[in-house]
Amino acid sequence: MSEHHYAQPIPAIELAPLDDPELERRWLQQALQNWLDSEYLPEAINGQIADRATSIYLRQRLEGENDLGSLVVAIVTEMQAFDFSKSFYGEFAIANAVSDLLTERLKLDRCCGG
């Protein structure tokens, strides 16, 4: 008897609806800028990247999008228009960083009560 192993889909991560968009904006902008500055060198462009990614994320959330996968796709898609020529990064790295930061914060909230 042979067993077939199928790849399991990545479980969807649903974020809680936003209760404080301004707090969320400040948190993500700062967390993303810190990540960008610590991965390579702090560069002026990092602030612009963090601002742009945060505004895409926030707009999506305010429109009611709470699925992390959909948020990542939206960031990748919209960041394609950003000029990354002065940066080490690209849209996929930024979207993945946002996803990692949000996932990490969810784990902390779950384990340690926020």
C-alpha atoms as a PDB file:
ATOM      1  CA  MET A   1       0.000   0.000   0.000  1.00  0.00           C
ATOM      2  CA  SER A   2       1.558   3.278  -1.055  1.00  0.00           C
ATOM      3  CA  GLU A   3       0.965   6.525   0.743  1.00  0.00           C
ATOM      4  CA  HIS A   4       0.744   9.794  -1.095  1.00  0.00           C
ATOM      5  CA  HIS A   5       2.158  12.832   0.626  1.00  0.00           C
ATOM      6  CA  TYR A   6       0.739  16.104  -0.528  1.00  0.00           C
ATOM      7  CA  ALA A   7       2.207  19.454   0.342  1.00  0.00           C
ATOM      8  CA  GLN A   8       0.119  21.079   3.012  1.00  0.00           C
ATOM      9  CA  PRO A   9      -1.035  24.593   2.184  1.00  0.00           C
ATOM     10  CA  ILE A  10       0.359  27.303   4.421  1.00  0.00           C
ATOM     11  CA  PRO A  11      -2.301  27.941   7.052  1.00  0.00           C
ATOM     12  CA  ALA A  12      -3.997  31.283   6.571  1.00  0.00           C
ATOM     13  CA  ILE A  13      -3.147  33.806   9.239  1.00  0.00           C
ATOM     14  CA  GLU A  14      -6.014  36.124  10.011  1.00  0.00           C
ATOM     15  CA  LEU A  15      -5.137  39.345  11.797  1.00  0.00           C
ATOM     16  CA  ALA A  16      -7.528  40.880  14.299  1.00  0.00           C
ATOM     17  CA  PRO A  17      -9.406  43.883  12.922  1.00  0.00           C
ATOM     18  CA  LEU A  18      -7.625  47.201  13.489  1.00  0.00           C
ATOM     19  CA  ASP A  19      -8.752  49.056  16.583  1.00  0.00           C
ATOM     20  CA  ASP A  20      -6.087  51.778  16.498  1.00  0.00           C
ATOM     21  CA  PRO A  21      -4.851  52.503  12.947  1.00  0.00           C
ATOM     22  CA  GLU A  22      -2.499  55.287  14.092  1.00  0.00           C
ATOM     23  CA  LEU A  23      -0.828  53.057  16.689  1.00  0.00           C
ATOM     24  CA  GLU A  24      -0.520  50.275  14.088  1.00  0.00           C
ATOM     25  CA  ARG A  25       0.975  52.703  11.559  1.00  0.00           C
ATOM     26  CA  ARG A  26       3.586  53.968  14.037  1.00  0.00           C
ATOM     27  CA  TRP A  27       4.467  50.441  15.184  1.00  0.00           C
ATOM     28  CA  LEU A  28       4.930  48.983  11.684  1.00  0.00           C
ATOM     29  CA  GLN A  29       6.761  52.003  10.292  1.00  0.00           C
ATOM     30  CA  GLN A  30       9.251  51.914  13.194  1.00  0.00           C
ATOM     31  CA  ALA A  31       9.631  48.109  13.214  1.00  0.00           C
ATOM     32  CA  LEU A  32      10.205  47.984   9.453  1.00  0.00           C
ATOM     33  CA  GLN A  33      12.654  50.892   9.484  1.00  0.00           C
ATOM     34  CA  ASN A  34      14.614  49.214  12.318  1.00  0.00           C
ATOM     35  CA  TRP A  35      14.686  45.949  10.333  1.00  0.00           C
ATOM     36  CA  LEU A  36      15.849  47.711   7.155  1.00  0.00           C
ATOM     37  CA  ASP A  37      18.558  49.643   9.014  1.00  0.00           C
ATOM     38  CA  SER A  38      19.866  46.589  10.846  1.00  0.00           C
ATOM     39  CA  GLU A  39      19.970  44.164   7.895  1.00  0.00           C
ATOM     40  CA  TYR A  40      22.533  46.178   5.922  1.00  0.00           C
ATOM     41  CA  LEU A  41      23.391  49.819   6.502  1.00  0.00           C
ATOM     42  CA  PRO A  42      21.061  52.577   7.636  1.00  0.00           C
ATOM     43  CA  GLU A  43      20.225  54.471   4.445  1.00  0.00           C
ATOM     44  CA  ALA A  44      17.996  57.465   3.836  1.00  0.00           C
ATOM     45  CA  ILE A  45      15.879  55.441   1.397  1.00  0.00           C
ATOM     46  CA  ASN A  46      14.899  53.022   4.198  1.00  0.00           C
ATOM     47  CA  GLY A  47      12.542  55.586   5.722  1.00  0.00           C
ATOM     48  CA  GLN A  48      10.795  56.032   2.369  1.00  0.00           C
ATOM     49  CA  ILE A  49      10.503  52.260   1.906  1.00  0.00           C
ATOM     50  CA  ALA A  50       9.071  51.819   5.413  1.00  0.00           C
ATOM     51  CA  ASP A  51       6.604  54.691   4.887  1.00  0.00           C
ATOM     52  CA  ARG A  52       5.418  53.327   1.553  1.00  0.00           C
ATOM     53  CA  ALA A  53       5.015  49.724   2.726  1.00  0.00           C
ATOM     54  CA  THR A  54       3.255  50.878   5.891  1.00  0.00           C
ATOM     55  CA  SER A  55       0.791  53.041   3.981  1.00  0.00           C
ATOM     56  CA  ILE A  56      -0.049  50.161   1.601  1.00  0.00           C
ATOM     57  CA  TYR A  57      -0.537  47.827   4.574  1.00  0.00           C
ATOM     58  CA  LEU A  58      -2.665  50.322   6.479  1.00  0.00           C
ATOM     59  CA  ARG A  59      -4.876  51.158   3.503  1.00  0.00           C
ATOM     60  CA  GLN A  60      -5.502  47.443   2.908  1.00  0.00           C
ATOM     61  CA  ARG A  61      -6.353  46.921   6.586  1.00  0.00           C
ATOM     62  CA  LEU A  62      -8.722  49.918   6.633  1.00  0.00           C
ATOM     63  CA  GLU A  63     -10.447  48.432   3.571  1.00  0.00           C
ATOM     64  CA  GLY A  64     -11.096  45.329   5.699  1.00  0.00           C
ATOM     65  CA  GLU A  65      -8.291  43.016   4.548  1.00  0.00           C
ATOM     66  CA  ASN A  66      -7.133  40.924   7.522  1.00  0.00           C
ATOM     67  CA  ASP A  67      -5.609  37.927   5.720  1.00  0.00           C
ATOM     68  CA  LEU A  68      -1.812  38.076   6.043  1.00  0.00           C
ATOM     69  CA  GLY A  69      -1.204  36.306   2.707  1.00  0.00           C
ATOM     70  CA  SER A  70      -3.388  38.805   0.845  1.00  0.00           C
ATOM     71  CA  LEU A  71      -1.651  41.695   2.595  1.00  0.00           C
ATOM     72  CA  VAL A  72       1.763  40.353   1.515  1.00  0.00           C
ATOM     73  CA  VAL A  73       0.597  40.038  -2.107  1.00  0.00           C
ATOM     74  CA  ALA A  74      -0.763  43.606  -2.026  1.00  0.00           C
ATOM     75  CA  ILE A  75       2.556  44.938  -0.695  1.00  0.00           C
ATOM     76  CA  VAL A  76       4.573  43.044  -3.333  1.00  0.00           C
ATOM     77  CA  THR A  77       2.256  44.256  -6.108  1.00  0.00           C
ATOM     78  CA  GLU A  78       2.171  47.902  -5.073  1.00  0.00           C
ATOM     79  CA  MET A  79       5.861  48.117  -4.114  1.00  0.00           C
ATOM     80  CA  GLN A  80       6.787  47.098  -7.683  1.00  0.00           C
ATOM     81  CA  ALA A  81       6.235  50.740  -8.629  1.00  0.00           C
ATOM     82  CA  PHE A  82       8.749  51.899  -5.989  1.00  0.00           C
ATOM     83  CA  ASP A  83      12.234  52.878  -7.195  1.00  0.00           C
ATOM     84  CA  PHE A  84      14.562  50.463  -5.371  1.00  0.00           C
ATOM     85  CA  SER A  85      17.668  51.578  -7.299  1.00  0.00           C
ATOM     86  CA  LYS A  86      19.203  53.232  -4.195  1.00  0.00           C
ATOM     87  CA  SER A  87      18.430  50.248  -1.974  1.00  0.00           C
ATOM     88  CA  PHE A  88      19.685  46.722  -1.292  1.00  0.00           C
ATOM     89  CA  TYR A  89      16.043  45.626  -1.100  1.00  0.00           C
ATOM     90  CA  GLY A  90      13.199  44.789  -3.438  1.00  0.00           C
ATOM     91  CA  GLU A  91       9.443  44.385  -3.073  1.00  0.00           C
ATOM     92  CA  PHE A  92       9.617  40.696  -2.059  1.00  0.00           C
ATOM     93  CA  ALA A  93      12.098  41.346   0.758  1.00  0.00           C
ATOM     94  CA  ILE A  94       9.912  44.170   2.068  1.00  0.00           C
ATOM     95  CA  ALA A  95       6.680  42.165   1.921  1.00  0.00           C
ATOM     96  CA  ASN A  96       8.368  39.211   3.656  1.00  0.00           C
ATOM     97  CA  ALA A  97       9.771  41.495   6.341  1.00  0.00           C
ATOM     98  CA  VAL A  98       6.298  42.931   7.030  1.00  0.00           C
ATOM     99  CA  SER A  99       4.924  39.386   7.228  1.00  0.00           C
ATOM    100  CA  ASP A 100       7.710  38.285   9.609  1.00  0.00           C
ATOM    101  CA  LEU A 101       7.260  41.335  11.850  1.00  0.00           C
ATOM    102  CA  LEU A 102       3.500  40.797  12.071  1.00  0.00           C
ATOM    103  CA  THR A 103       3.868  37.047  12.681  1.00  0.00           C
ATOM    104  CA  GLU A 104       6.473  37.640  15.381  1.00  0.00           C
ATOM    105  CA  ARG A 105       4.206  40.142  17.101  1.00  0.00           C
ATOM    106  CA  LEU A 106       1.269  37.704  16.940  1.00  0.00           C
ATOM    107  CA  LYS A 107       3.378  35.031  18.660  1.00  0.00           C
ATOM    108  CA  LEU A 108       4.358  37.498  21.388  1.00  0.00           C
ATOM    109  CA  ASP A 109       0.740  38.578  21.855  1.00  0.00           C
ATOM    110  CA  ARG A 110      -0.416  34.963  22.121  1.00  0.00           C
ATOM    111  CA  CYS A 111       2.301  33.765  24.467  1.00  0.00           C
ATOM    112  CA  CYS A 112       2.738  36.812  26.652  1.00  0.00           C
ATOM    113  CA  GLY A 113      -0.628  38.535  26.650  1.00  0.00           C
ATOM    114  CA  GLY A 114       0.342  41.434  24.386  1.00  0.00           C
END
